[in-house]
Amino acid sequence: MKQQRLYFDTSVFGGVFDEEFQEASKQLFERVFNGYILCVYSEITESELLNAPKQVRDFFKSLPPESLEKIEITDELLTLATNYLDEKVVGQTSFDDCLHIAAATVNKVDILVS
Protein backbone atom coordinates (compact mmCIF):
# COMPACT_ATOMS: atom_id res chain seq x y z
CA MET A 1 0.00 0.00 0.00
CA LYS A 2 1.30 3.44 -0.97
CA GLN A 3 1.77 5.84 1.93
CA GLN A 4 -0.21 9.06 1.45
CA ARG A 5 1.75 12.31 1.74
CA LEU A 6 -0.32 14.89 3.60
CA TYR A 7 0.92 18.39 4.35
CA PHE A 8 -0.07 19.42 7.88
CA ASP A 9 -0.23 23.10 8.75
CA THR A 10 0.47 23.99 12.36
CA SER A 11 -3.15 24.12 13.54
CA VAL A 12 -3.63 20.41 12.83
CA PHE A 13 -1.31 19.37 15.66
CA GLY A 14 -3.36 21.41 18.14
CA GLY A 15 -6.55 19.75 16.93
CA VAL A 16 -5.75 16.74 19.09
CA PHE A 17 -6.36 18.95 22.15
CA ASP A 18 -9.35 20.91 20.82
CA GLU A 19 -12.70 19.42 21.79
CA GLU A 20 -14.28 20.41 18.46
CA PHE A 21 -11.62 18.65 16.34
CA GLN A 22 -10.30 16.06 18.78
CA GLU A 23 -12.03 12.94 17.46
CA ALA A 24 -11.14 13.51 13.80
CA SER A 25 -7.62 14.65 14.70
CA LYS A 26 -6.93 11.54 16.75
CA GLN A 27 -8.16 9.34 13.90
CA LEU A 28 -5.89 11.18 11.47
CA PHE A 29 -2.83 10.88 13.69
CA GLU A 30 -3.56 7.21 14.37
CA ARG A 31 -2.98 6.72 10.64
CA VAL A 32 0.31 8.64 10.94
CA PHE A 33 1.44 6.48 13.88
CA ASN A 34 0.47 3.32 11.97
CA GLY A 35 2.48 4.36 8.91
CA TYR A 36 -0.40 4.93 6.47
CA ILE A 37 0.22 8.67 6.26
CA LEU A 38 3.47 10.56 5.85
CA CYS A 39 3.18 13.83 7.78
CA VAL A 40 4.75 16.50 5.58
CA TYR A 41 5.51 19.79 7.32
CA SER A 42 7.78 22.77 6.77
CA GLU A 43 10.21 25.06 8.51
CA ILE A 44 7.33 27.50 8.97
CA THR A 45 5.48 24.80 10.93
CA GLU A 46 8.48 24.37 13.22
CA SER A 47 8.69 28.12 13.71
CA GLU A 48 4.98 28.40 14.54
CA LEU A 49 5.18 25.45 16.94
CA LEU A 50 7.68 27.38 19.06
CA ASN A 51 4.75 29.54 20.22
CA ALA A 52 2.31 26.64 20.61
CA PRO A 53 1.29 25.26 24.01
CA LYS A 54 3.73 22.72 25.46
CA GLN A 55 1.32 19.81 25.00
CA VAL A 56 1.12 20.57 21.26
CA ARG A 57 4.91 20.80 20.94
CA ASP A 58 5.30 17.55 22.87
CA PHE A 59 2.72 15.82 20.69
CA PHE A 60 4.58 16.88 17.54
CA LYS A 61 7.83 15.56 19.02
CA SER A 62 6.13 12.21 19.75
CA LEU A 63 5.45 11.52 16.06
CA PRO A 64 7.57 8.69 14.64
CA PRO A 65 10.52 10.10 12.65
CA GLU A 66 9.87 7.65 9.81
CA SER A 67 6.40 9.21 9.41
CA LEU A 68 7.72 12.75 9.00
CA GLU A 69 9.00 14.68 5.98
CA LYS A 70 10.33 18.20 6.46
CA ILE A 71 10.19 20.75 3.64
CA GLU A 72 12.61 23.67 3.59
CA ILE A 73 11.40 27.14 2.69
CA THR A 74 13.03 28.02 -0.63
CA ASP A 75 13.00 31.07 -2.86
CA GLU A 76 10.51 29.25 -5.09
CA LEU A 77 8.09 28.86 -2.15
CA LEU A 78 8.53 32.48 -1.10
CA THR A 79 7.83 33.68 -4.65
CA LEU A 80 4.74 31.50 -5.01
CA ALA A 81 3.39 32.59 -1.62
CA THR A 82 3.91 36.23 -2.60
CA ASN A 83 2.09 35.61 -5.88
CA TYR A 84 -0.83 34.02 -4.00
CA LEU A 85 -1.16 37.20 -1.92
CA ASP A 86 -0.66 39.59 -4.84
CA GLU A 87 -3.25 37.82 -6.98
CA LYS A 88 -5.65 37.33 -4.04
CA VAL A 89 -5.82 33.62 -4.89
CA VAL A 90 -6.56 32.62 -1.31
CA GLY A 91 -8.50 35.65 -0.17
CA GLN A 92 -7.85 37.41 3.11
CA THR A 93 -5.05 35.46 4.80
CA SER A 94 -1.53 35.73 6.15
CA PHE A 95 1.75 35.31 4.34
CA ASP A 96 2.52 32.30 6.55
CA ASP A 97 -0.72 30.63 5.42
CA CYS A 98 0.33 31.22 1.83
CA LEU A 99 3.72 29.68 2.60
CA HIS A 100 1.99 26.54 3.85
CA ILE A 101 -0.07 26.37 0.66
CA ALA A 102 2.98 27.00 -1.52
CA ALA A 103 4.96 24.31 0.32
CA ALA A 104 2.18 21.79 -0.27
CA THR A 105 1.79 22.81 -3.92
CA VAL A 106 5.46 22.80 -4.93
CA ASN A 107 6.10 19.51 -3.14
CA LYS A 108 3.07 17.85 -4.72
CA VAL A 109 1.56 16.41 -1.59
CA ASP A 110 -1.65 14.42 -1.90
CA ILE A 111 -3.67 16.61 0.47
CA LEU A 112 -3.17 19.81 2.47
CA VAL A 113 -4.68 19.43 5.95
CA SER A 114 -5.56 22.61 7.82
C-alpha atoms as a PDB file:
ATOM      1  CA  MET A   1       0.000   0.000   0.000  1.00  0.00           C
ATOM      2  CA  LYS A   2       1.295   3.440  -0.969  1.00  0.00           C
ATOM      3  CA  GLN A   3       1.772   5.835   1.925  1.00  0.00           C
ATOM      4  CA  GLN A   4      -0.214   9.056   1.455  1.00  0.00           C
ATOM      5  CA  ARG A   5       1.753  12.309   1.741  1.00  0.00           C
ATOM      6  CA  LEU A   6      -0.322  14.890   3.604  1.00  0.00           C
ATOM      7  CA  TYR A   7       0.918  18.389   4.349  1.00  0.00           C
ATOM      8  CA  PHE A   8      -0.068  19.424   7.876  1.00  0.00           C
ATOM      9  CA  ASP A   9      -0.235  23.097   8.748  1.00  0.00           C
ATOM     10  CA  THR A  10       0.473  23.993  12.363  1.00  0.00           C
ATOM     11  CA  SER A  11      -3.145  24.115  13.536  1.00  0.00           C
ATOM     12  CA  VAL A  12      -3.629  20.407  12.828  1.00  0.00           C
ATOM     13  CA  PHE A  13      -1.315  19.374  15.663  1.00  0.00           C
ATOM     14  CA  GLY A  14      -3.358  21.408  18.142  1.00  0.00           C
ATOM     15  CA  GLY A  15      -6.554  19.746  16.926  1.00  0.00           C
ATOM     16  CA  VAL A  16      -5.750  16.744  19.091  1.00  0.00           C
ATOM     17  CA  PHE A  17      -6.358  18.951  22.147  1.00  0.00           C
ATOM     18  CA  ASP A  18      -9.348  20.912  20.819  1.00  0.00           C
ATOM     19  CA  GLU A  19     -12.701  19.424  21.792  1.00  0.00           C
ATOM     20  CA  GLU A  20     -14.276  20.407  18.464  1.00  0.00           C
ATOM     21  CA  PHE A  21     -11.622  18.654  16.343  1.00  0.00           C
ATOM     22  CA  GLN A  22     -10.297  16.060  18.780  1.00  0.00           C
ATOM     23  CA  GLU A  23     -12.026  12.942  17.456  1.00  0.00           C
ATOM     24  CA  ALA A  24     -11.144  13.511  13.795  1.00  0.00           C
ATOM     25  CA  SER A  25      -7.616  14.648  14.698  1.00  0.00           C
ATOM     26  CA  LYS A  26      -6.933  11.536  16.754  1.00  0.00           C
ATOM     27  CA  GLN A  27      -8.160   9.336  13.902  1.00  0.00           C
ATOM     28  CA  LEU A  28      -5.888  11.184  11.473  1.00  0.00           C
ATOM     29  CA  PHE A  29      -2.832  10.876  13.695  1.00  0.00           C
ATOM     30  CA  GLU A  30      -3.563   7.205  14.368  1.00  0.00           C
ATOM     31  CA  ARG A  31      -2.983   6.721  10.638  1.00  0.00           C
ATOM     32  CA  VAL A  32       0.306   8.638  10.942  1.00  0.00           C
ATOM     33  CA  PHE A  33       1.444   6.479  13.881  1.00  0.00           C
ATOM     34  CA  ASN A  34       0.469   3.318  11.969  1.00  0.00           C
ATOM     35  CA  GLY A  35       2.481   4.361   8.906  1.00  0.00           C
ATOM     36  CA  TYR A  36      -0.396   4.927   6.471  1.00  0.00           C
ATOM     37  CA  ILE A  37       0.219   8.670   6.261  1.00  0.00           C
ATOM     38  CA  LEU A  38       3.473  10.557   5.849  1.00  0.00           C
ATOM     39  CA  CYS A  39       3.182  13.833   7.779  1.00  0.00           C
ATOM     40  CA  VAL A  40       4.750  16.504   5.575  1.00  0.00           C
ATOM     41  CA  TYR A  41       5.513  19.794   7.321  1.00  0.00           C
ATOM     42  CA  SER A  42       7.782  22.773   6.770  1.00  0.00           C
ATOM     43  CA  GLU A  43      10.210  25.063   8.509  1.00  0.00           C
ATOM     44  CA  ILE A  44       7.327  27.502   8.965  1.00  0.00           C
ATOM     45  CA  THR A  45       5.483  24.805  10.926  1.00  0.00           C
ATOM     46  CA  GLU A  46       8.483  24.373  13.216  1.00  0.00           C
ATOM     47  CA  SER A  47       8.689  28.115  13.715  1.00  0.00           C
ATOM     48  CA  GLU A  48       4.978  28.405  14.544  1.00  0.00           C
ATOM     49  CA  LEU A  49       5.179  25.451  16.937  1.00  0.00           C
ATOM     50  CA  LEU A  50       7.681  27.379  19.060  1.00  0.00           C
ATOM     51  CA  ASN A  51       4.747  29.538  20.219  1.00  0.00           C
ATOM     52  CA  ALA A  52       2.312  26.641  20.613  1.00  0.00           C
ATOM     53  CA  PRO A  53       1.290  25.256  24.007  1.00  0.00           C
ATOM     54  CA  LYS A  54       3.728  22.721  25.459  1.00  0.00           C
ATOM     55  CA  GLN A  55       1.323  19.809  25.002  1.00  0.00           C
ATOM     56  CA  VAL A  56       1.115  20.571  21.260  1.00  0.00           C
ATOM     57  CA  ARG A  57       4.913  20.801  20.938  1.00  0.00           C
ATOM     58  CA  ASP A  58       5.295  17.555  22.867  1.00  0.00           C
ATOM     59  CA  PHE A  59       2.721  15.823  20.688  1.00  0.00           C
ATOM     60  CA  PHE A  60       4.576  16.880  17.535  1.00  0.00           C
ATOM     61  CA  LYS A  61       7.833  15.555  19.021  1.00  0.00           C
ATOM     62  CA  SER A  62       6.133  12.213  19.746  1.00  0.00           C
ATOM     63  CA  LEU A  63       5.445  11.524  16.059  1.00  0.00           C
ATOM     64  CA  PRO A  64       7.570   8.693  14.643  1.00  0.00           C
ATOM     65  CA  PRO A  65      10.520  10.104  12.646  1.00  0.00           C
ATOM     66  CA  GLU A  66       9.866   7.652   9.814  1.00  0.00           C
ATOM     67  CA  SER A  67       6.396   9.207   9.411  1.00  0.00           C
ATOM     68  CA  LEU A  68       7.720  12.755   8.998  1.00  0.00           C
ATOM     69  CA  GLU A  69       9.003  14.679   5.982  1.00  0.00           C
ATOM     70  CA  LYS A  70      10.326  18.204   6.461  1.00  0.00           C
ATOM     71  CA  ILE A  71      10.187  20.753   3.643  1.00  0.00           C
ATOM     72  CA  GLU A  72      12.607  23.665   3.585  1.00  0.00           C
ATOM     73  CA  ILE A  73      11.396  27.138   2.685  1.00  0.00           C
ATOM     74  CA  THR A  74      13.033  28.023  -0.634  1.00  0.00           C
ATOM     75  CA  ASP A  75      12.998  31.074  -2.864  1.00  0.00           C
ATOM     76  CA  GLU A  76      10.509  29.246  -5.089  1.00  0.00           C
ATOM     77  CA  LEU A  77       8.093  28.862  -2.154  1.00  0.00           C
ATOM     78  CA  LEU A  78       8.531  32.482  -1.102  1.00  0.00           C
ATOM     79  CA  THR A  79       7.829  33.681  -4.648  1.00  0.00           C
ATOM     80  CA  LEU A  80       4.743  31.503  -5.006  1.00  0.00           C
ATOM     81  CA  ALA A  81       3.387  32.588  -1.615  1.00  0.00           C
ATOM     82  CA  THR A  82       3.908  36.228  -2.596  1.00  0.00           C
ATOM     83  CA  ASN A  83       2.087  35.608  -5.880  1.00  0.00           C
ATOM     84  CA  TYR A  84      -0.829  34.021  -3.999  1.00  0.00           C
ATOM     85  CA  LEU A  85      -1.155  37.204  -1.922  1.00  0.00           C
ATOM     86  CA  ASP A  86      -0.663  39.595  -4.842  1.00  0.00           C
ATOM     87  CA  GLU A  87      -3.254  37.815  -6.977  1.00  0.00           C
ATOM     88  CA  LYS A  88      -5.645  37.327  -4.039  1.00  0.00           C
ATOM     89  CA  VAL A  89      -5.818  33.622  -4.890  1.00  0.00           C
ATOM     90  CA  VAL A  90      -6.564  32.615  -1.313  1.00  0.00           C
ATOM     91  CA  GLY A  91      -8.504  35.652  -0.170  1.00  0.00           C
ATOM     92  CA  GLN A  92      -7.846  37.407   3.112  1.00  0.00           C
ATOM     93  CA  THR A  93      -5.046  35.464   4.797  1.00  0.00           C
ATOM     94  CA  SER A  94      -1.526  35.733   6.149  1.00  0.00           C
ATOM     95  CA  PHE A  95       1.751  35.313   4.337  1.00  0.00           C
ATOM     96  CA  ASP A  96       2.521  32.298   6.552  1.00  0.00           C
ATOM     97  CA  ASP A  97      -0.719  30.630   5.417  1.00  0.00           C
ATOM     98  CA  CYS A  98       0.332  31.223   1.829  1.00  0.00           C
ATOM     99  CA  LEU A  99       3.718  29.679   2.597  1.00  0.00           C
ATOM    100  CA  HIS A 100       1.985  26.537   3.853  1.00  0.00           C
ATOM    101  CA  ILE A 101      -0.069  26.372   0.656  1.00  0.00           C
ATOM    102  CA  ALA A 102       2.981  26.997  -1.516  1.00  0.00           C
ATOM    103  CA  ALA A 103       4.956  24.305   0.320  1.00  0.00           C
ATOM    104  CA  ALA A 104       2.180  21.787  -0.269  1.00  0.00           C
ATOM    105  CA  THR A 105       1.794  22.808  -3.920  1.00  0.00           C
ATOM    106  CA  VAL A 106       5.458  22.795  -4.926  1.00  0.00           C
ATOM    107  CA  ASN A 107       6.102  19.505  -3.139  1.00  0.00           C
ATOM    108  CA  LYS A 108       3.066  17.848  -4.722  1.00  0.00           C
ATOM    109  CA  VAL A 109       1.556  16.409  -1.591  1.00  0.00           C
ATOM    110  CA  ASP A 110      -1.647  14.420  -1.898  1.00  0.00           C
ATOM    111  CA  ILE A 111      -3.669  16.611   0.475  1.00  0.00           C
ATOM    112  CA  LEU A 112      -3.167  19.807   2.466  1.00  0.00           C
ATOM    113  CA  VAL A 113      -4.679  19.426   5.946  1.00  0.00           C
ATOM    114  CA  SER A 114      -5.559  22.606   7.815  1.00  0.00           C
END
